[in-house]
C-alpha cells in the first residue's frame, strides 16, 4: 500500500480543518458535480478529500434523488479509512494540497477507486492560507500542462475546462471509456453532461 500522506502533514491538515473556513471550496463546484451525477444516473459518490463534507451536504439540496455519499479524508479520523472503489468520484480542491513527492501515489489511488466517472478540480496558483510551518497551503502550483499528462496516464479525459484560478475535468475509467467521435469529443452521455454543465 503506497503512502498517501505523511504523518506530520496529516497532523497539519487536521489542525487546519479546525478552521471553519478551511476545506469548504467544494460547495461552489457542487452544481457541476450534480449535473454529471444526474446524467450518469449515479447511485453513489465517493468524495475523495472530503474536508468538512460540504459537497455531499450541498448535493442533497441540489438533487431530487441524491446518491449515497461516501467520504474519504485522512485528516478526519472518522473518514480516514482507505476507501473502496466507487462508480463515481469527486476530488474537489484537494490535489494542489498533496505533498509533491506523494502526488503520483494519490493519483494512482484515485485511479484505483474510480470505477466509472470522476470530477476533479485543481487550483493552479497560491492559496490564501499558510501551513503552520509557513509554506503556502497549495504545495503544488503547476499549470494544466503539468497536470494533464498525469491524468491522461491514468484515465480517459472526457472534458477539460479552464477556470480563472485553475481547471476542472471529467474523466472516465479506462475500461468504461467510450471512443471519441471524429471531432475528438466524448460521445453520447458524457457529451451531454459537459454541455449541460456549461449551460
N, C-alpha and C. Protein backbone atom coordinates (compact mmCIF):
# COMPACT_ATOMS: atom_id res chain seq x y z
N UNK A 1 0.85 -1.19 0.00
CA UNK A 1 0.00 0.00 0.00
C UNK A 1 0.89 1.25 0.00
N UNK A 2 0.73 2.08 -0.99
CA UNK A 2 1.55 3.29 -1.11
C UNK A 2 1.13 4.34 -0.09
N UNK A 3 2.07 5.15 0.32
CA UNK A 3 1.79 6.23 1.25
C UNK A 3 1.08 7.36 0.53
N UNK A 4 -0.02 7.86 1.12
CA UNK A 4 -0.78 8.95 0.53
C UNK A 4 -0.54 10.28 1.24
N UNK A 5 -0.10 10.21 2.50
CA UNK A 5 0.14 11.43 3.26
C UNK A 5 1.11 11.09 4.39
N UNK A 6 2.05 12.01 4.66
CA UNK A 6 2.96 11.79 5.78
C UNK A 6 2.23 12.10 7.08
N UNK A 7 2.70 11.50 8.15
CA UNK A 7 2.04 11.72 9.44
C UNK A 7 2.16 13.18 9.88
N UNK A 8 3.31 13.80 9.64
CA UNK A 8 3.50 15.21 10.01
C UNK A 8 2.50 16.09 9.28
N UNK A 9 2.33 15.85 7.98
CA UNK A 9 1.42 16.67 7.18
C UNK A 9 -0.04 16.37 7.53
N UNK A 10 -0.33 15.11 7.85
CA UNK A 10 -1.70 14.76 8.26
C UNK A 10 -2.09 15.56 9.51
N UNK A 11 -1.15 15.70 10.45
CA UNK A 11 -1.42 16.47 11.66
C UNK A 11 -1.64 17.95 11.34
N UNK A 12 -0.85 18.49 10.39
CA UNK A 12 -1.05 19.88 9.97
C UNK A 12 -2.45 20.07 9.39
N UNK A 13 -2.85 19.11 8.54
CA UNK A 13 -4.17 19.20 7.91
C UNK A 13 -5.28 19.06 8.95
N UNK A 14 -5.08 18.19 9.90
CA UNK A 14 -6.09 18.02 10.96
C UNK A 14 -6.26 19.34 11.71
N UNK A 15 -5.15 20.03 11.96
CA UNK A 15 -5.20 21.32 12.64
C UNK A 15 -5.93 22.36 11.77
N UNK A 16 -5.60 22.39 10.48
CA UNK A 16 -6.24 23.35 9.57
C UNK A 16 -7.74 23.12 9.51
N UNK A 17 -8.17 21.88 9.58
CA UNK A 17 -9.60 21.58 9.47
C UNK A 17 -10.39 22.09 10.68
N UNK A 18 -9.69 22.53 11.71
CA UNK A 18 -10.39 23.15 12.85
C UNK A 18 -10.85 24.56 12.49
N UNK A 19 -10.27 25.12 11.43
CA UNK A 19 -10.69 26.43 10.92
C UNK A 19 -12.00 26.24 10.15
N UNK A 20 -13.08 26.91 10.54
CA UNK A 20 -14.37 26.69 9.86
C UNK A 20 -14.36 27.09 8.39
N UNK A 21 -13.39 27.92 7.97
CA UNK A 21 -13.35 28.36 6.58
C UNK A 21 -12.39 27.54 5.72
N UNK A 22 -11.83 26.48 6.29
CA UNK A 22 -10.90 25.64 5.53
C UNK A 22 -11.62 24.37 5.08
N UNK A 23 -11.40 24.00 3.81
CA UNK A 23 -11.99 22.77 3.31
C UNK A 23 -13.44 22.90 2.92
N UNK A 24 -13.84 24.08 2.44
CA UNK A 24 -15.24 24.30 2.08
C UNK A 24 -15.42 24.71 0.61
N UNK A 25 -14.35 24.72 -0.18
CA UNK A 25 -14.43 25.20 -1.56
C UNK A 25 -15.32 24.32 -2.44
N UNK A 26 -15.54 23.08 -2.01
CA UNK A 26 -16.33 22.16 -2.85
C UNK A 26 -17.74 22.65 -3.10
N UNK A 27 -18.27 23.52 -2.24
CA UNK A 27 -19.65 23.99 -2.40
C UNK A 27 -19.82 24.69 -3.75
N UNK A 28 -18.84 25.48 -4.18
CA UNK A 28 -19.00 26.21 -5.44
C UNK A 28 -18.99 25.28 -6.66
N UNK A 29 -18.42 24.10 -6.51
CA UNK A 29 -18.38 23.15 -7.63
C UNK A 29 -19.53 22.15 -7.58
N UNK A 30 -20.34 22.19 -6.55
CA UNK A 30 -21.42 21.22 -6.39
C UNK A 30 -22.39 21.21 -7.58
N UNK A 31 -22.76 22.37 -8.18
CA UNK A 31 -23.66 22.31 -9.34
C UNK A 31 -23.07 21.51 -10.52
N UNK A 32 -21.76 21.63 -10.76
CA UNK A 32 -21.13 20.86 -11.83
C UNK A 32 -21.18 19.38 -11.50
N UNK A 33 -20.81 19.04 -10.27
CA UNK A 33 -20.83 17.63 -9.86
C UNK A 33 -22.26 17.09 -9.96
N UNK A 34 -23.23 17.89 -9.55
CA UNK A 34 -24.63 17.45 -9.60
C UNK A 34 -25.06 17.15 -11.04
N UNK A 35 -24.66 18.00 -11.99
CA UNK A 35 -25.00 17.77 -13.40
C UNK A 35 -24.45 16.45 -13.90
N UNK A 36 -23.19 16.18 -13.58
CA UNK A 36 -22.57 14.93 -14.01
C UNK A 36 -23.29 13.74 -13.38
N UNK A 37 -23.56 13.81 -12.09
CA UNK A 37 -24.21 12.71 -11.39
C UNK A 37 -25.59 12.42 -11.97
N UNK A 38 -26.34 13.47 -12.30
CA UNK A 38 -27.66 13.27 -12.88
C UNK A 38 -27.57 12.57 -14.23
N UNK A 39 -26.64 13.01 -15.05
CA UNK A 39 -26.55 12.47 -16.40
C UNK A 39 -26.10 11.01 -16.42
N UNK A 40 -25.30 10.62 -15.46
CA UNK A 40 -24.83 9.22 -15.45
C UNK A 40 -25.67 8.34 -14.53
N UNK A 41 -26.73 8.95 -13.94
CA UNK A 41 -27.61 8.21 -13.03
C UNK A 41 -26.83 7.54 -11.90
N UNK A 42 -25.93 8.29 -11.30
CA UNK A 42 -25.08 7.75 -10.23
C UNK A 42 -25.92 7.44 -8.99
N UNK A 43 -25.65 6.31 -8.39
CA UNK A 43 -26.32 5.94 -7.15
C UNK A 43 -25.42 6.12 -5.93
N UNK A 44 -24.12 6.30 -6.17
CA UNK A 44 -23.20 6.55 -5.06
C UNK A 44 -22.07 7.44 -5.53
N UNK A 45 -21.51 8.18 -4.60
CA UNK A 45 -20.40 9.09 -4.88
C UNK A 45 -19.40 9.01 -3.75
N UNK A 46 -18.14 8.87 -4.11
CA UNK A 46 -17.05 8.97 -3.15
C UNK A 46 -16.49 10.38 -3.21
N UNK A 47 -16.58 11.11 -2.11
CA UNK A 47 -15.98 12.44 -2.00
C UNK A 47 -14.57 12.24 -1.46
N UNK A 48 -13.59 12.29 -2.36
CA UNK A 48 -12.19 11.95 -2.06
C UNK A 48 -11.48 13.23 -1.62
N UNK A 49 -11.09 13.27 -0.34
CA UNK A 49 -10.55 14.51 0.22
C UNK A 49 -11.71 15.40 0.64
N UNK A 50 -12.61 14.82 1.43
CA UNK A 50 -13.94 15.41 1.66
C UNK A 50 -13.94 16.67 2.51
N UNK A 51 -12.84 16.96 3.19
CA UNK A 51 -12.83 18.16 4.03
C UNK A 51 -13.89 18.09 5.11
N UNK A 52 -14.82 19.03 5.08
CA UNK A 52 -15.90 19.06 6.06
C UNK A 52 -17.17 18.38 5.56
N UNK A 53 -17.11 17.76 4.40
CA UNK A 53 -18.28 17.07 3.88
C UNK A 53 -19.32 17.98 3.26
N UNK A 54 -18.93 19.21 2.94
CA UNK A 54 -19.90 20.18 2.42
C UNK A 54 -20.40 19.83 1.02
N UNK A 55 -19.58 19.14 0.23
CA UNK A 55 -20.04 18.76 -1.10
C UNK A 55 -21.29 17.88 -1.00
N UNK A 56 -21.20 16.85 -0.18
CA UNK A 56 -22.34 15.95 -0.02
C UNK A 56 -23.56 16.67 0.51
N UNK A 57 -23.36 17.57 1.49
CA UNK A 57 -24.48 18.33 2.04
C UNK A 57 -25.15 19.17 0.97
N UNK A 58 -24.33 19.80 0.12
CA UNK A 58 -24.88 20.67 -0.92
C UNK A 58 -25.59 19.87 -2.01
N UNK A 59 -25.02 18.72 -2.37
CA UNK A 59 -25.66 17.88 -3.39
C UNK A 59 -27.04 17.45 -2.95
N UNK A 60 -27.23 17.23 -1.67
CA UNK A 60 -28.55 16.82 -1.16
C UNK A 60 -29.58 17.91 -1.36
N UNK A 61 -29.14 19.17 -1.45
CA UNK A 61 -30.08 20.26 -1.70
C UNK A 61 -30.30 20.50 -3.19
N UNK A 62 -29.38 20.02 -4.03
CA UNK A 62 -29.46 20.27 -5.47
C UNK A 62 -30.14 19.15 -6.25
N UNK A 63 -30.09 17.93 -5.72
CA UNK A 63 -30.58 16.77 -6.45
C UNK A 63 -31.84 16.20 -5.81
N UNK A 64 -32.86 15.91 -6.63
CA UNK A 64 -34.08 15.32 -6.06
C UNK A 64 -33.83 13.92 -5.49
N UNK A 65 -32.92 13.17 -6.12
CA UNK A 65 -32.56 11.84 -5.64
C UNK A 65 -31.04 11.75 -5.51
N UNK A 66 -30.47 12.36 -4.47
CA UNK A 66 -29.01 12.38 -4.35
C UNK A 66 -28.46 10.97 -4.16
N UNK A 67 -27.25 10.73 -4.69
CA UNK A 67 -26.63 9.42 -4.48
C UNK A 67 -26.19 9.25 -3.03
N UNK A 68 -25.90 8.01 -2.67
CA UNK A 68 -25.32 7.75 -1.36
C UNK A 68 -23.91 8.33 -1.37
N UNK A 69 -23.59 9.14 -0.38
CA UNK A 69 -22.29 9.82 -0.33
C UNK A 69 -21.37 9.06 0.63
N UNK A 70 -20.19 8.73 0.14
CA UNK A 70 -19.14 8.17 0.99
C UNK A 70 -18.02 9.22 1.07
N UNK A 71 -17.34 9.27 2.19
CA UNK A 71 -16.29 10.27 2.41
C UNK A 71 -14.94 9.60 2.65
N UNK A 72 -13.91 10.27 2.13
CA UNK A 72 -12.54 9.89 2.49
C UNK A 72 -11.74 11.16 2.72
N UNK A 73 -11.11 11.25 3.87
CA UNK A 73 -10.20 12.35 4.15
C UNK A 73 -9.27 11.91 5.28
N UNK A 74 -7.97 11.76 5.00
CA UNK A 74 -7.05 11.26 6.03
C UNK A 74 -6.88 12.20 7.21
N UNK A 75 -7.28 13.47 7.06
CA UNK A 75 -7.17 14.42 8.17
C UNK A 75 -8.42 14.43 9.04
N UNK A 76 -9.40 13.62 8.69
CA UNK A 76 -10.62 13.47 9.50
C UNK A 76 -10.66 12.04 10.01
N UNK A 77 -10.39 11.79 11.28
CA UNK A 77 -10.31 10.41 11.79
C UNK A 77 -11.52 9.55 11.42
N UNK A 78 -12.71 10.15 11.40
CA UNK A 78 -13.91 9.36 11.12
C UNK A 78 -14.02 8.96 9.64
N UNK A 79 -13.22 9.61 8.78
CA UNK A 79 -13.26 9.32 7.33
C UNK A 79 -11.89 8.87 6.81
N UNK A 80 -10.98 8.48 7.69
CA UNK A 80 -9.59 8.23 7.29
C UNK A 80 -9.34 6.83 6.74
N UNK A 81 -10.30 5.92 6.86
CA UNK A 81 -10.10 4.57 6.33
C UNK A 81 -10.00 4.63 4.81
N UNK A 82 -9.00 3.93 4.27
CA UNK A 82 -8.80 3.95 2.82
C UNK A 82 -10.06 3.47 2.12
N UNK A 83 -10.56 4.23 1.14
CA UNK A 83 -11.88 3.92 0.59
C UNK A 83 -11.88 2.76 -0.39
N UNK A 84 -13.06 2.15 -0.50
CA UNK A 84 -13.30 1.13 -1.52
C UNK A 84 -13.65 1.83 -2.84
N UNK A 85 -13.43 1.16 -3.98
CA UNK A 85 -13.78 1.75 -5.26
C UNK A 85 -15.26 2.12 -5.34
N UNK A 86 -15.55 3.11 -6.18
CA UNK A 86 -16.90 3.66 -6.29
C UNK A 86 -17.19 4.00 -7.75
N UNK A 87 -18.45 3.95 -8.14
CA UNK A 87 -18.81 4.21 -9.53
C UNK A 87 -18.52 5.65 -9.94
N UNK A 88 -18.67 6.59 -9.01
CA UNK A 88 -18.38 7.99 -9.31
C UNK A 88 -17.58 8.59 -8.16
N UNK A 89 -16.65 9.46 -8.52
CA UNK A 89 -15.72 10.04 -7.54
C UNK A 89 -15.60 11.54 -7.80
N UNK A 90 -15.65 12.32 -6.75
CA UNK A 90 -15.36 13.75 -6.82
C UNK A 90 -14.10 14.01 -6.00
N UNK A 91 -13.20 14.80 -6.57
CA UNK A 91 -11.98 15.19 -5.86
C UNK A 91 -11.84 16.70 -6.09
N UNK A 92 -12.36 17.47 -5.14
CA UNK A 92 -12.56 18.90 -5.32
C UNK A 92 -11.64 19.70 -4.40
N UNK A 93 -10.78 20.53 -5.01
CA UNK A 93 -9.88 21.40 -4.24
C UNK A 93 -9.01 20.58 -3.28
N UNK A 94 -8.43 19.51 -3.81
CA UNK A 94 -7.63 18.59 -3.00
C UNK A 94 -6.21 18.44 -3.54
N UNK A 95 -6.09 18.17 -4.84
CA UNK A 95 -4.81 17.70 -5.39
C UNK A 95 -3.68 18.71 -5.25
N UNK A 96 -3.99 20.00 -5.29
CA UNK A 96 -2.94 21.01 -5.13
C UNK A 96 -2.39 21.04 -3.70
N UNK A 97 -3.11 20.41 -2.76
CA UNK A 97 -2.67 20.36 -1.37
C UNK A 97 -1.78 19.14 -1.07
N UNK A 98 -1.64 18.24 -2.02
CA UNK A 98 -0.91 16.99 -1.77
C UNK A 98 0.60 17.26 -1.73
N UNK A 99 1.29 16.53 -0.88
CA UNK A 99 2.75 16.64 -0.83
C UNK A 99 3.33 16.24 -2.19
N UNK A 100 4.20 17.08 -2.77
CA UNK A 100 4.66 16.83 -4.14
C UNK A 100 5.26 15.44 -4.37
N UNK A 101 5.99 14.91 -3.38
CA UNK A 101 6.60 13.60 -3.59
C UNK A 101 5.59 12.45 -3.47
N UNK A 102 4.35 12.77 -3.10
CA UNK A 102 3.33 11.74 -2.96
C UNK A 102 2.19 11.89 -3.98
N UNK A 103 2.28 12.89 -4.86
CA UNK A 103 1.16 13.14 -5.78
C UNK A 103 0.89 11.94 -6.69
N UNK A 104 1.93 11.26 -7.17
CA UNK A 104 1.69 10.11 -8.04
C UNK A 104 0.98 8.99 -7.28
N UNK A 105 1.32 8.80 -6.01
CA UNK A 105 0.62 7.80 -5.20
C UNK A 105 -0.86 8.14 -5.08
N UNK A 106 -1.15 9.41 -4.85
CA UNK A 106 -2.54 9.83 -4.68
C UNK A 106 -3.31 9.68 -6.00
N UNK A 107 -2.69 10.06 -7.12
CA UNK A 107 -3.35 9.90 -8.41
C UNK A 107 -3.57 8.42 -8.73
N UNK A 108 -2.61 7.59 -8.37
CA UNK A 108 -2.79 6.15 -8.56
C UNK A 108 -3.97 5.65 -7.72
N UNK A 109 -4.12 6.19 -6.52
CA UNK A 109 -5.22 5.77 -5.66
C UNK A 109 -6.55 6.26 -6.23
N UNK A 110 -6.56 7.47 -6.78
CA UNK A 110 -7.77 7.96 -7.45
C UNK A 110 -8.16 7.04 -8.61
N UNK A 111 -7.17 6.60 -9.36
CA UNK A 111 -7.44 5.65 -10.45
C UNK A 111 -8.04 4.35 -9.89
N UNK A 112 -7.49 3.90 -8.78
CA UNK A 112 -7.97 2.65 -8.16
C UNK A 112 -9.43 2.75 -7.75
N UNK A 113 -9.83 3.89 -7.20
CA UNK A 113 -11.18 4.00 -6.65
C UNK A 113 -12.23 4.42 -7.68
N UNK A 114 -11.80 4.92 -8.84
CA UNK A 114 -12.75 5.42 -9.84
C UNK A 114 -13.15 4.30 -10.78
N UNK A 115 -14.32 3.73 -10.57
CA UNK A 115 -14.81 2.65 -11.42
C UNK A 115 -15.46 3.17 -12.69
N UNK A 116 -16.06 4.34 -12.61
CA UNK A 116 -16.77 4.90 -13.75
C UNK A 116 -16.28 6.29 -14.10
N UNK A 117 -16.87 7.30 -13.47
CA UNK A 117 -16.57 8.69 -13.79
C UNK A 117 -15.98 9.43 -12.59
N UNK A 118 -15.17 10.43 -12.89
CA UNK A 118 -14.61 11.30 -11.86
C UNK A 118 -14.74 12.75 -12.26
N UNK A 119 -15.00 13.60 -11.29
CA UNK A 119 -14.99 15.05 -11.48
C UNK A 119 -13.93 15.59 -10.55
N UNK A 120 -12.88 16.17 -11.13
CA UNK A 120 -11.74 16.64 -10.35
C UNK A 120 -11.49 18.12 -10.64
N UNK A 121 -11.14 18.88 -9.62
CA UNK A 121 -10.74 20.27 -9.82
C UNK A 121 -9.33 20.47 -9.29
N UNK A 122 -8.61 21.39 -9.92
CA UNK A 122 -7.25 21.71 -9.49
C UNK A 122 -7.08 23.23 -9.52
N UNK A 123 -6.60 23.78 -8.42
CA UNK A 123 -6.24 25.19 -8.34
C UNK A 123 -4.75 25.28 -8.70
N UNK A 124 -4.41 26.15 -9.62
CA UNK A 124 -3.03 26.18 -10.12
C UNK A 124 -2.17 27.29 -9.53
N UNK A 125 -2.74 28.15 -8.71
CA UNK A 125 -1.96 29.23 -8.11
C UNK A 125 -1.85 29.10 -6.60
N UNK A 126 -1.34 30.12 -5.93
CA UNK A 126 -1.18 30.05 -4.47
C UNK A 126 -2.51 30.16 -3.74
N UNK A 127 -2.54 29.60 -2.54
CA UNK A 127 -3.70 29.73 -1.66
C UNK A 127 -3.54 30.98 -0.80
N UNK A 128 -4.63 31.39 -0.20
CA UNK A 128 -4.59 32.49 0.76
C UNK A 128 -3.98 32.01 2.08
N UNK A 129 -4.30 30.77 2.46
CA UNK A 129 -3.87 30.24 3.75
C UNK A 129 -2.45 29.69 3.70
N UNK A 130 -1.78 29.75 4.86
CA UNK A 130 -0.45 29.18 5.02
C UNK A 130 -0.51 28.01 6.00
N UNK A 131 0.41 27.08 5.83
CA UNK A 131 0.55 25.99 6.79
C UNK A 131 1.26 26.50 8.04
N UNK A 132 1.22 25.71 9.09
CA UNK A 132 1.84 26.13 10.35
C UNK A 132 3.34 26.30 10.23
N UNK A 133 3.97 25.66 9.21
CA UNK A 133 5.41 25.81 9.02
C UNK A 133 5.75 26.95 8.05
N UNK A 134 4.73 27.72 7.63
CA UNK A 134 4.95 28.88 6.78
C UNK A 134 4.79 28.64 5.30
N UNK A 135 4.70 27.39 4.87
CA UNK A 135 4.51 27.10 3.45
C UNK A 135 3.10 27.47 3.01
N UNK A 136 2.96 27.81 1.72
CA UNK A 136 1.64 28.04 1.17
C UNK A 136 0.84 26.74 1.24
N UNK A 137 -0.46 26.85 1.51
CA UNK A 137 -1.30 25.65 1.64
C UNK A 137 -1.41 24.88 0.32
N UNK A 138 -1.19 25.55 -0.81
CA UNK A 138 -1.13 24.84 -2.08
C UNK A 138 0.32 24.43 -2.33
N UNK A 139 0.63 23.19 -1.98
CA UNK A 139 2.01 22.71 -2.09
C UNK A 139 2.43 22.51 -3.54
N UNK A 140 1.45 22.27 -4.42
CA UNK A 140 1.74 22.11 -5.84
C UNK A 140 1.07 23.25 -6.59
N UNK A 141 1.86 24.07 -7.23
CA UNK A 141 1.34 25.19 -8.03
C UNK A 141 1.89 25.03 -9.44
N UNK A 142 1.17 24.26 -10.24
CA UNK A 142 1.62 23.93 -11.59
C UNK A 142 0.50 24.18 -12.59
N UNK A 143 0.84 24.50 -13.84
CA UNK A 143 -0.17 24.78 -14.86
C UNK A 143 -0.83 23.49 -15.36
N UNK A 144 -1.92 23.63 -16.12
CA UNK A 144 -2.58 22.45 -16.67
C UNK A 144 -1.65 21.54 -17.46
N UNK A 145 -0.69 22.12 -18.18
CA UNK A 145 0.23 21.30 -18.99
C UNK A 145 1.04 20.34 -18.14
N UNK A 146 1.22 20.65 -16.87
CA UNK A 146 1.92 19.74 -15.96
C UNK A 146 0.97 18.64 -15.47
N UNK A 147 -0.28 19.02 -15.19
CA UNK A 147 -1.25 18.10 -14.61
C UNK A 147 -1.84 17.12 -15.63
N UNK A 148 -2.18 17.63 -16.82
CA UNK A 148 -2.96 16.81 -17.75
C UNK A 148 -2.27 15.50 -18.14
N UNK A 149 -0.98 15.48 -18.42
CA UNK A 149 -0.36 14.18 -18.72
C UNK A 149 -0.51 13.17 -17.58
N UNK A 150 -0.48 13.66 -16.35
CA UNK A 150 -0.64 12.76 -15.21
C UNK A 150 -2.04 12.15 -15.19
N UNK A 151 -3.05 12.96 -15.48
CA UNK A 151 -4.41 12.42 -15.54
C UNK A 151 -4.55 11.46 -16.72
N UNK A 152 -3.98 11.82 -17.86
CA UNK A 152 -4.17 11.03 -19.06
C UNK A 152 -3.41 9.71 -19.03
N UNK A 153 -2.42 9.59 -18.16
CA UNK A 153 -1.76 8.30 -17.93
C UNK A 153 -2.69 7.31 -17.24
N UNK A 154 -3.68 7.84 -16.53
CA UNK A 154 -4.49 7.00 -15.66
C UNK A 154 -5.97 6.91 -16.06
N UNK A 155 -6.45 7.86 -16.84
CA UNK A 155 -7.86 7.94 -17.18
C UNK A 155 -8.04 8.32 -18.65
N UNK A 156 -9.28 8.12 -19.13
CA UNK A 156 -9.70 8.76 -20.37
C UNK A 156 -10.19 10.15 -19.98
N UNK A 157 -9.62 11.17 -20.59
CA UNK A 157 -10.02 12.54 -20.31
C UNK A 157 -11.23 12.88 -21.16
N UNK A 158 -12.38 13.04 -20.52
CA UNK A 158 -13.62 13.29 -21.25
C UNK A 158 -13.88 14.78 -21.45
N UNK A 159 -13.40 15.60 -20.51
CA UNK A 159 -13.69 17.03 -20.61
C UNK A 159 -12.69 17.82 -19.79
N UNK A 160 -12.31 18.98 -20.30
CA UNK A 160 -11.38 19.88 -19.63
C UNK A 160 -11.93 21.29 -19.75
N UNK A 161 -11.96 22.02 -18.63
CA UNK A 161 -12.43 23.41 -18.64
C UNK A 161 -11.54 24.26 -17.75
N UNK A 162 -10.98 25.30 -18.32
CA UNK A 162 -10.20 26.25 -17.52
C UNK A 162 -11.12 27.09 -16.65
N UNK A 163 -10.59 27.52 -15.53
CA UNK A 163 -11.25 28.48 -14.65
C UNK A 163 -10.24 29.60 -14.39
N UNK A 164 -10.69 30.72 -13.84
CA UNK A 164 -9.73 31.81 -13.58
C UNK A 164 -8.54 31.38 -12.72
N UNK A 165 -8.76 30.47 -11.77
CA UNK A 165 -7.70 30.07 -10.84
C UNK A 165 -7.19 28.65 -11.08
N UNK A 166 -7.66 27.99 -12.15
CA UNK A 166 -7.24 26.61 -12.37
C UNK A 166 -8.07 25.94 -13.44
N UNK A 167 -8.54 24.70 -13.17
CA UNK A 167 -9.34 23.97 -14.15
C UNK A 167 -10.13 22.87 -13.46
N UNK A 168 -11.13 22.36 -14.19
CA UNK A 168 -11.84 21.16 -13.75
C UNK A 168 -11.94 20.21 -14.92
N UNK A 169 -11.99 18.91 -14.59
CA UNK A 169 -12.05 17.89 -15.62
C UNK A 169 -13.10 16.84 -15.26
N UNK A 170 -13.58 16.17 -16.29
CA UNK A 170 -14.38 14.96 -16.13
C UNK A 170 -13.56 13.83 -16.75
N UNK A 171 -13.38 12.76 -16.01
CA UNK A 171 -12.62 11.62 -16.50
C UNK A 171 -13.49 10.36 -16.46
N UNK A 172 -13.07 9.37 -17.23
CA UNK A 172 -13.69 8.06 -17.21
C UNK A 172 -12.61 7.02 -16.95
N UNK A 173 -12.98 5.99 -16.20
CA UNK A 173 -12.07 4.87 -16.02
C UNK A 173 -11.81 4.24 -17.38
N UNK A 174 -10.61 3.83 -17.65
CA UNK A 174 -10.25 3.33 -18.97
C UNK A 174 -11.13 2.18 -19.49
N UNK A 175 -11.44 1.16 -18.67
CA UNK A 175 -12.25 0.05 -19.19
C UNK A 175 -13.64 0.48 -19.66
N UNK A 176 -14.19 1.57 -19.06
CA UNK A 176 -15.54 2.01 -19.38
C UNK A 176 -15.57 3.14 -20.40
N UNK A 177 -14.41 3.58 -20.84
CA UNK A 177 -14.36 4.79 -21.68
C UNK A 177 -14.87 4.50 -23.08
N UNK A 178 -15.70 5.42 -23.58
CA UNK A 178 -16.16 5.31 -24.96
C UNK A 178 -15.14 5.90 -25.91
N UNK A 179 -15.19 5.48 -27.15
CA UNK A 179 -14.27 6.03 -28.14
C UNK A 179 -14.76 7.41 -28.57
N UNK A 180 -13.83 8.33 -28.82
CA UNK A 180 -14.26 9.65 -29.27
C UNK A 180 -14.80 9.59 -30.69
N UNK A 181 -15.65 10.55 -31.01
CA UNK A 181 -16.12 10.63 -32.39
C UNK A 181 -15.06 11.31 -33.25
N UNK A 182 -15.38 11.63 -34.49
CA UNK A 182 -14.38 12.16 -35.43
C UNK A 182 -13.87 13.53 -35.02
N UNK A 183 -14.63 14.23 -34.18
CA UNK A 183 -14.17 15.55 -33.73
C UNK A 183 -13.27 15.44 -32.51
N UNK A 184 -13.15 14.23 -31.97
CA UNK A 184 -12.34 14.04 -30.78
C UNK A 184 -13.08 14.32 -29.49
N UNK A 185 -14.40 14.61 -29.58
CA UNK A 185 -15.18 14.88 -28.39
C UNK A 185 -15.76 13.59 -27.83
N UNK A 186 -16.00 13.55 -26.52
CA UNK A 186 -16.65 12.36 -25.97
C UNK A 186 -18.03 12.20 -26.56
N UNK A 187 -18.43 10.97 -26.76
CA UNK A 187 -19.72 10.70 -27.38
C UNK A 187 -20.81 10.55 -26.34
N UNK A 188 -22.04 10.60 -26.83
CA UNK A 188 -23.21 10.18 -26.08
C UNK A 188 -23.39 10.87 -24.75
N UNK A 189 -23.52 10.05 -23.72
CA UNK A 189 -23.92 10.52 -22.40
C UNK A 189 -23.02 11.63 -21.88
N UNK A 190 -21.71 11.41 -21.89
CA UNK A 190 -20.82 12.38 -21.28
C UNK A 190 -20.76 13.67 -22.10
N UNK A 191 -20.98 13.57 -23.39
CA UNK A 191 -21.03 14.77 -24.22
C UNK A 191 -22.18 15.67 -23.75
N UNK A 192 -23.32 15.04 -23.45
CA UNK A 192 -24.45 15.82 -22.94
C UNK A 192 -24.16 16.38 -21.56
N UNK A 193 -23.42 15.62 -20.77
CA UNK A 193 -23.07 16.08 -19.42
C UNK A 193 -22.32 17.40 -19.49
N UNK A 194 -21.26 17.44 -20.29
CA UNK A 194 -20.42 18.62 -20.28
C UNK A 194 -21.13 19.82 -20.91
N UNK A 195 -21.97 19.57 -21.93
CA UNK A 195 -22.74 20.66 -22.49
C UNK A 195 -23.72 21.22 -21.47
N UNK A 196 -24.35 20.33 -20.73
CA UNK A 196 -25.29 20.73 -19.71
C UNK A 196 -24.59 21.49 -18.59
N UNK A 197 -23.42 21.00 -18.19
CA UNK A 197 -22.67 21.65 -17.10
C UNK A 197 -22.26 23.05 -17.46
N UNK A 198 -22.01 23.28 -18.75
CA UNK A 198 -21.60 24.61 -19.20
C UNK A 198 -22.79 25.51 -19.52
N UNK A 199 -24.00 24.95 -19.48
CA UNK A 199 -25.19 25.73 -19.78
C UNK A 199 -25.36 25.88 -21.28
